[in-house]
Amino acid sequence: VQLVESGGGLVQPGGSLRLSCAASGFTLSRYPMSWYRQAPGKELELVAVIRSAGGSTNYADTEKGQFTISRDNVRNTVILQMNNLKPEDTAVYYCKARIALNGYWGQGTQVTVSS
């Protein structure tokens, strides 16, 4: 099982970024997939979840309407589209797969929102 995030970078407030998490070693559409983030000096927090059956989604209250999680089953990739970014969205973003009782994490991608 391997997860590789990409798409992070520096963006101005109000800008957008599209994060990708490419999975290998398993079919991600069969398992719940999540995005988390960790800002400097803060705890890890859940950003969004997409479930396997039906693909239903949930978001942290602070991100509703701003972030969208989706899957590309052909590319075996989970995506986090982030719009109207704010400085407080600055963090390392991680994707996670929950397979059976185990959690598998990517290495993270840095998102910095600054003018």
N, C-alpha and C. Protein backbone atom coordinates (compact mmCIF):
# COMPACT_ATOMS: atom_id res chain seq x y z
N VAL A 1 0.85 -1.19 0.00
CA VAL A 1 0.00 0.00 0.00
C VAL A 1 0.89 1.24 0.00
N GLN A 2 0.62 2.13 -0.92
CA GLN A 2 1.38 3.37 -0.98
C GLN A 2 0.46 4.51 -1.40
N LEU A 3 0.63 5.65 -0.72
CA LEU A 3 -0.12 6.85 -1.04
C LEU A 3 0.87 7.99 -1.28
N VAL A 4 0.70 8.69 -2.38
CA VAL A 4 1.61 9.79 -2.71
C VAL A 4 0.78 11.03 -3.02
N GLU A 5 0.94 12.06 -2.16
CA GLU A 5 0.23 13.31 -2.36
C GLU A 5 1.03 14.25 -3.26
N SER A 6 0.32 15.10 -3.96
CA SER A 6 0.95 16.13 -4.79
C SER A 6 -0.03 17.28 -4.96
N GLY A 7 0.49 18.39 -5.48
CA GLY A 7 -0.37 19.52 -5.78
C GLY A 7 -0.28 20.68 -4.82
N GLY A 8 0.47 20.52 -3.74
CA GLY A 8 0.61 21.61 -2.80
C GLY A 8 1.49 22.72 -3.36
N GLY A 9 1.56 23.82 -2.61
CA GLY A 9 2.40 24.93 -3.04
C GLY A 9 2.01 26.21 -2.34
N LEU A 10 2.51 27.30 -2.88
CA LEU A 10 2.23 28.64 -2.35
C LEU A 10 1.13 29.28 -3.18
N VAL A 11 0.12 29.80 -2.51
CA VAL A 11 -1.00 30.43 -3.21
C VAL A 11 -1.41 31.66 -2.42
N GLN A 12 -1.92 32.65 -3.12
CA GLN A 12 -2.39 33.86 -2.45
C GLN A 12 -3.77 33.63 -1.85
N PRO A 13 -4.11 34.39 -0.82
CA PRO A 13 -5.47 34.29 -0.26
C PRO A 13 -6.53 34.47 -1.34
N GLY A 14 -7.56 33.63 -1.28
CA GLY A 14 -8.60 33.64 -2.29
C GLY A 14 -8.33 32.72 -3.46
N GLY A 15 -7.12 32.19 -3.53
CA GLY A 15 -6.76 31.30 -4.62
C GLY A 15 -7.24 29.87 -4.42
N SER A 16 -6.90 29.01 -5.37
CA SER A 16 -7.33 27.62 -5.35
C SER A 16 -6.14 26.69 -5.56
N LEU A 17 -6.26 25.50 -5.01
CA LEU A 17 -5.31 24.43 -5.25
C LEU A 17 -6.07 23.12 -5.38
N ARG A 18 -5.49 22.21 -6.13
CA ARG A 18 -6.07 20.88 -6.31
C ARG A 18 -5.03 19.86 -5.86
N LEU A 19 -5.30 19.21 -4.75
CA LEU A 19 -4.39 18.19 -4.23
C LEU A 19 -4.81 16.82 -4.77
N SER A 20 -3.82 16.00 -5.07
CA SER A 20 -4.08 14.64 -5.52
C SER A 20 -3.36 13.66 -4.60
N CYS A 21 -3.96 12.51 -4.45
CA CYS A 21 -3.37 11.42 -3.67
C CYS A 21 -3.46 10.17 -4.53
N ALA A 22 -2.33 9.75 -5.07
CA ALA A 22 -2.29 8.58 -5.93
C ALA A 22 -2.04 7.33 -5.09
N ALA A 23 -2.89 6.35 -5.27
CA ALA A 23 -2.79 5.11 -4.49
C ALA A 23 -2.23 3.99 -5.34
N SER A 24 -1.46 3.14 -4.71
CA SER A 24 -0.97 1.92 -5.36
C SER A 24 -1.01 0.79 -4.35
N GLY A 25 -1.19 -0.41 -4.87
CA GLY A 25 -1.24 -1.58 -4.01
C GLY A 25 -2.64 -1.95 -3.54
N PHE A 26 -3.61 -1.10 -3.85
CA PHE A 26 -4.99 -1.40 -3.51
C PHE A 26 -5.90 -0.53 -4.38
N THR A 27 -7.17 -0.88 -4.41
CA THR A 27 -8.16 -0.12 -5.18
C THR A 27 -8.88 0.82 -4.21
N LEU A 28 -8.59 2.12 -4.32
CA LEU A 28 -9.05 3.03 -3.28
C LEU A 28 -10.56 3.20 -3.25
N SER A 29 -11.24 2.90 -4.34
CA SER A 29 -12.70 3.05 -4.33
C SER A 29 -13.38 2.04 -3.40
N ARG A 30 -12.66 1.05 -2.96
CA ARG A 30 -13.23 0.03 -2.08
C ARG A 30 -13.12 0.42 -0.61
N TYR A 31 -12.45 1.52 -0.30
CA TYR A 31 -12.18 1.87 1.09
C TYR A 31 -12.45 3.35 1.34
N PRO A 32 -12.76 3.68 2.59
CA PRO A 32 -12.89 5.11 2.92
C PRO A 32 -11.54 5.81 2.78
N MET A 33 -11.59 6.99 2.18
CA MET A 33 -10.39 7.79 2.00
C MET A 33 -10.61 9.15 2.64
N SER A 34 -9.57 9.68 3.26
CA SER A 34 -9.69 10.95 3.98
C SER A 34 -8.53 11.87 3.65
N TRP A 35 -8.79 13.15 3.84
CA TRP A 35 -7.74 14.16 3.86
C TRP A 35 -7.67 14.75 5.26
N TYR A 36 -6.48 14.87 5.77
CA TYR A 36 -6.20 15.51 7.04
C TYR A 36 -5.20 16.65 6.79
N ARG A 37 -5.09 17.51 7.78
CA ARG A 37 -4.06 18.53 7.71
C ARG A 37 -3.50 18.81 9.10
N GLN A 38 -2.28 19.30 9.11
CA GLN A 38 -1.65 19.69 10.36
C GLN A 38 -0.93 21.01 10.15
N ALA A 39 -1.42 22.02 10.84
CA ALA A 39 -0.81 23.34 10.79
C ALA A 39 0.32 23.41 11.82
N PRO A 40 1.26 24.31 11.65
CA PRO A 40 2.37 24.43 12.60
C PRO A 40 1.86 24.64 14.01
N GLY A 41 2.33 23.82 14.93
CA GLY A 41 1.97 23.96 16.33
C GLY A 41 0.57 23.49 16.68
N LYS A 42 -0.11 22.88 15.71
CA LYS A 42 -1.48 22.44 15.98
C LYS A 42 -1.61 20.94 15.77
N GLU A 43 -2.72 20.40 16.26
CA GLU A 43 -2.95 18.98 16.12
C GLU A 43 -3.44 18.64 14.71
N LEU A 44 -3.29 17.38 14.38
CA LEU A 44 -3.81 16.87 13.12
C LEU A 44 -5.34 16.98 13.14
N GLU A 45 -5.91 17.45 12.04
CA GLU A 45 -7.36 17.57 11.99
C GLU A 45 -7.90 16.99 10.69
N LEU A 46 -9.08 16.40 10.80
CA LEU A 46 -9.75 15.83 9.64
C LEU A 46 -10.35 16.94 8.79
N VAL A 47 -10.12 16.86 7.49
CA VAL A 47 -10.65 17.86 6.57
C VAL A 47 -11.86 17.32 5.81
N ALA A 48 -11.73 16.13 5.25
CA ALA A 48 -12.81 15.58 4.41
C ALA A 48 -12.68 14.08 4.32
N VAL A 49 -13.82 13.42 4.11
CA VAL A 49 -13.88 11.97 3.97
C VAL A 49 -14.76 11.63 2.77
N ILE A 50 -14.34 10.61 2.03
CA ILE A 50 -15.20 10.05 0.99
C ILE A 50 -15.29 8.55 1.24
N ARG A 51 -16.51 8.06 1.35
CA ARG A 51 -16.72 6.67 1.69
C ARG A 51 -16.67 5.79 0.45
N SER A 52 -16.54 4.51 0.69
CA SER A 52 -16.42 3.58 -0.42
C SER A 52 -17.76 3.38 -1.10
N ALA A 53 -18.70 2.75 -0.39
CA ALA A 53 -20.00 2.47 -0.99
C ALA A 53 -20.77 3.78 -1.20
N GLY A 54 -21.11 4.05 -2.44
CA GLY A 54 -21.90 5.24 -2.74
C GLY A 54 -21.09 6.52 -2.86
N GLY A 55 -19.92 6.54 -2.30
CA GLY A 55 -19.07 7.73 -2.42
C GLY A 55 -19.58 8.94 -1.66
N SER A 56 -20.34 8.72 -0.58
CA SER A 56 -20.81 9.88 0.20
C SER A 56 -19.63 10.58 0.84
N THR A 57 -19.81 11.87 1.12
CA THR A 57 -18.72 12.68 1.63
C THR A 57 -19.12 13.42 2.90
N ASN A 58 -18.12 13.76 3.69
CA ASN A 58 -18.30 14.60 4.87
C ASN A 58 -17.13 15.57 4.96
N TYR A 59 -17.39 16.72 5.55
CA TYR A 59 -16.37 17.75 5.66
C TYR A 59 -16.36 18.33 7.07
N ALA A 60 -15.18 18.82 7.45
CA ALA A 60 -15.12 19.59 8.69
C ALA A 60 -16.02 20.81 8.51
N ASP A 61 -16.65 21.25 9.59
CA ASP A 61 -17.59 22.36 9.51
C ASP A 61 -16.96 23.61 8.90
N THR A 62 -15.69 23.83 9.22
CA THR A 62 -15.02 25.04 8.75
C THR A 62 -14.73 25.00 7.26
N GLU A 63 -14.83 23.80 6.64
CA GLU A 63 -14.45 23.66 5.23
C GLU A 63 -15.63 23.45 4.30
N LYS A 64 -16.82 23.32 4.86
CA LYS A 64 -17.99 23.07 4.02
C LYS A 64 -18.17 24.20 3.01
N GLY A 65 -18.31 23.83 1.77
CA GLY A 65 -18.49 24.81 0.72
C GLY A 65 -17.20 25.34 0.14
N GLN A 66 -16.09 25.07 0.85
CA GLN A 66 -14.81 25.57 0.40
C GLN A 66 -13.96 24.47 -0.24
N PHE A 67 -14.06 23.27 0.32
CA PHE A 67 -13.29 22.13 -0.16
C PHE A 67 -14.24 21.08 -0.74
N THR A 68 -13.75 20.34 -1.72
CA THR A 68 -14.50 19.24 -2.31
C THR A 68 -13.59 18.04 -2.46
N ILE A 69 -14.01 16.90 -1.89
CA ILE A 69 -13.26 15.66 -2.04
C ILE A 69 -13.95 14.80 -3.10
N SER A 70 -13.14 14.15 -3.92
CA SER A 70 -13.69 13.29 -4.97
C SER A 70 -12.69 12.19 -5.29
N ARG A 71 -13.15 11.23 -6.10
CA ARG A 71 -12.28 10.13 -6.52
C ARG A 71 -12.20 10.10 -8.04
N ASP A 72 -11.04 9.73 -8.54
CA ASP A 72 -10.87 9.39 -9.95
C ASP A 72 -10.54 7.90 -9.97
N ASN A 73 -11.55 7.07 -10.21
CA ASN A 73 -11.34 5.63 -10.11
C ASN A 73 -10.44 5.10 -11.23
N VAL A 74 -10.42 5.76 -12.35
CA VAL A 74 -9.55 5.32 -13.45
C VAL A 74 -8.08 5.50 -13.06
N ARG A 75 -7.77 6.63 -12.43
CA ARG A 75 -6.39 6.91 -12.01
C ARG A 75 -6.10 6.42 -10.60
N ASN A 76 -7.11 5.82 -9.93
CA ASN A 76 -6.92 5.35 -8.54
C ASN A 76 -6.39 6.47 -7.66
N THR A 77 -7.06 7.61 -7.74
CA THR A 77 -6.61 8.83 -7.09
C THR A 77 -7.76 9.49 -6.35
N VAL A 78 -7.46 10.04 -5.19
CA VAL A 78 -8.44 10.85 -4.48
C VAL A 78 -7.97 12.31 -4.56
N ILE A 79 -8.92 13.20 -4.73
CA ILE A 79 -8.62 14.60 -5.01
C ILE A 79 -9.26 15.49 -3.95
N LEU A 80 -8.56 16.55 -3.60
CA LEU A 80 -9.13 17.57 -2.73
C LEU A 80 -9.02 18.90 -3.47
N GLN A 81 -10.16 19.40 -3.91
CA GLN A 81 -10.21 20.71 -4.55
C GLN A 81 -10.46 21.76 -3.48
N MET A 82 -9.55 22.72 -3.39
CA MET A 82 -9.63 23.74 -2.34
C MET A 82 -9.78 25.11 -2.99
N ASN A 83 -10.85 25.78 -2.65
CA ASN A 83 -11.14 27.11 -3.22
C ASN A 83 -11.17 28.16 -2.13
N ASN A 84 -11.04 29.40 -2.54
CA ASN A 84 -11.11 30.52 -1.61
C ASN A 84 -10.20 30.29 -0.40
N LEU A 85 -8.97 29.96 -0.67
CA LEU A 85 -8.05 29.62 0.41
C LEU A 85 -7.72 30.82 1.28
N LYS A 86 -7.52 30.53 2.57
CA LYS A 86 -7.23 31.56 3.56
C LYS A 86 -5.90 31.24 4.23
N PRO A 87 -5.27 32.23 4.83
CA PRO A 87 -4.00 31.96 5.52
C PRO A 87 -4.11 30.84 6.55
N GLU A 88 -5.24 30.73 7.20
CA GLU A 88 -5.41 29.67 8.20
C GLU A 88 -5.52 28.28 7.60
N ASP A 89 -5.59 28.17 6.28
CA ASP A 89 -5.56 26.87 5.62
C ASP A 89 -4.13 26.36 5.42
N THR A 90 -3.15 27.18 5.77
CA THR A 90 -1.76 26.78 5.67
C THR A 90 -1.49 25.58 6.57
N ALA A 91 -0.97 24.50 5.97
CA ALA A 91 -0.75 23.27 6.71
C ALA A 91 -0.09 22.25 5.78
N VAL A 92 0.35 21.16 6.38
CA VAL A 92 0.72 19.99 5.59
C VAL A 92 -0.54 19.13 5.47
N TYR A 93 -0.87 18.76 4.25
CA TYR A 93 -2.07 17.99 3.98
C TYR A 93 -1.69 16.54 3.68
N TYR A 94 -2.39 15.64 4.35
CA TYR A 94 -2.12 14.21 4.22
C TYR A 94 -3.37 13.47 3.75
N CYS A 95 -3.20 12.45 2.95
CA CYS A 95 -4.32 11.57 2.67
C CYS A 95 -4.13 10.27 3.45
N LYS A 96 -5.25 9.66 3.73
CA LYS A 96 -5.25 8.45 4.54
C LYS A 96 -6.24 7.46 3.95
N ALA A 97 -5.82 6.20 3.94
CA ALA A 97 -6.71 5.10 3.56
C ALA A 97 -6.98 4.25 4.78
N ARG A 98 -8.22 3.90 4.97
CA ARG A 98 -8.55 2.98 6.06
C ARG A 98 -8.89 1.63 5.44
N ILE A 99 -8.01 0.68 5.67
CA ILE A 99 -8.17 -0.66 5.11
C ILE A 99 -8.23 -1.65 6.26
N ALA A 100 -9.37 -2.31 6.40
CA ALA A 100 -9.64 -3.17 7.56
C ALA A 100 -9.51 -2.27 8.80
N LEU A 101 -8.68 -2.61 9.72
CA LEU A 101 -8.51 -1.80 10.93
C LEU A 101 -7.24 -0.95 10.87
N ASN A 102 -6.62 -0.90 9.73
CA ASN A 102 -5.34 -0.19 9.60
C ASN A 102 -5.51 1.12 8.85
N GLY A 103 -4.72 2.09 9.26
CA GLY A 103 -4.67 3.36 8.55
C GLY A 103 -3.35 3.50 7.84
N TYR A 104 -3.41 3.91 6.58
CA TYR A 104 -2.21 4.10 5.78
C TYR A 104 -2.15 5.57 5.35
N TRP A 105 -0.97 6.16 5.49
CA TRP A 105 -0.81 7.59 5.27
C TRP A 105 0.19 7.87 4.16
N GLY A 106 -0.04 8.97 3.48
CA GLY A 106 0.96 9.48 2.56
C GLY A 106 1.98 10.32 3.30
N GLN A 107 2.93 10.87 2.55
CA GLN A 107 4.02 11.64 3.17
C GLN A 107 3.64 13.09 3.40
N GLY A 108 2.53 13.52 2.81
CA GLY A 108 2.07 14.89 2.99
C GLY A 108 2.52 15.83 1.89
N THR A 109 1.74 16.90 1.72
CA THR A 109 2.11 17.96 0.77
C THR A 109 1.83 19.31 1.43
N GLN A 110 2.78 20.22 1.32
CA GLN A 110 2.68 21.50 2.01
C GLN A 110 1.81 22.47 1.22
N VAL A 111 0.87 23.08 1.91
CA VAL A 111 0.06 24.16 1.34
C VAL A 111 0.32 25.42 2.15
N THR A 112 0.74 26.47 1.48
CA THR A 112 0.99 27.75 2.14
C THR A 112 0.15 28.81 1.46
N VAL A 113 -0.68 29.49 2.27
CA VAL A 113 -1.54 30.55 1.76
C VAL A 113 -1.02 31.87 2.33
N SER A 114 -0.47 32.68 1.44
CA SER A 114 0.15 33.92 1.90
C SER A 114 0.23 34.90 0.74
N SER A 115 0.14 36.17 1.09
CA SER A 115 0.32 37.22 0.08
C SER A 115 1.76 37.69 0.05
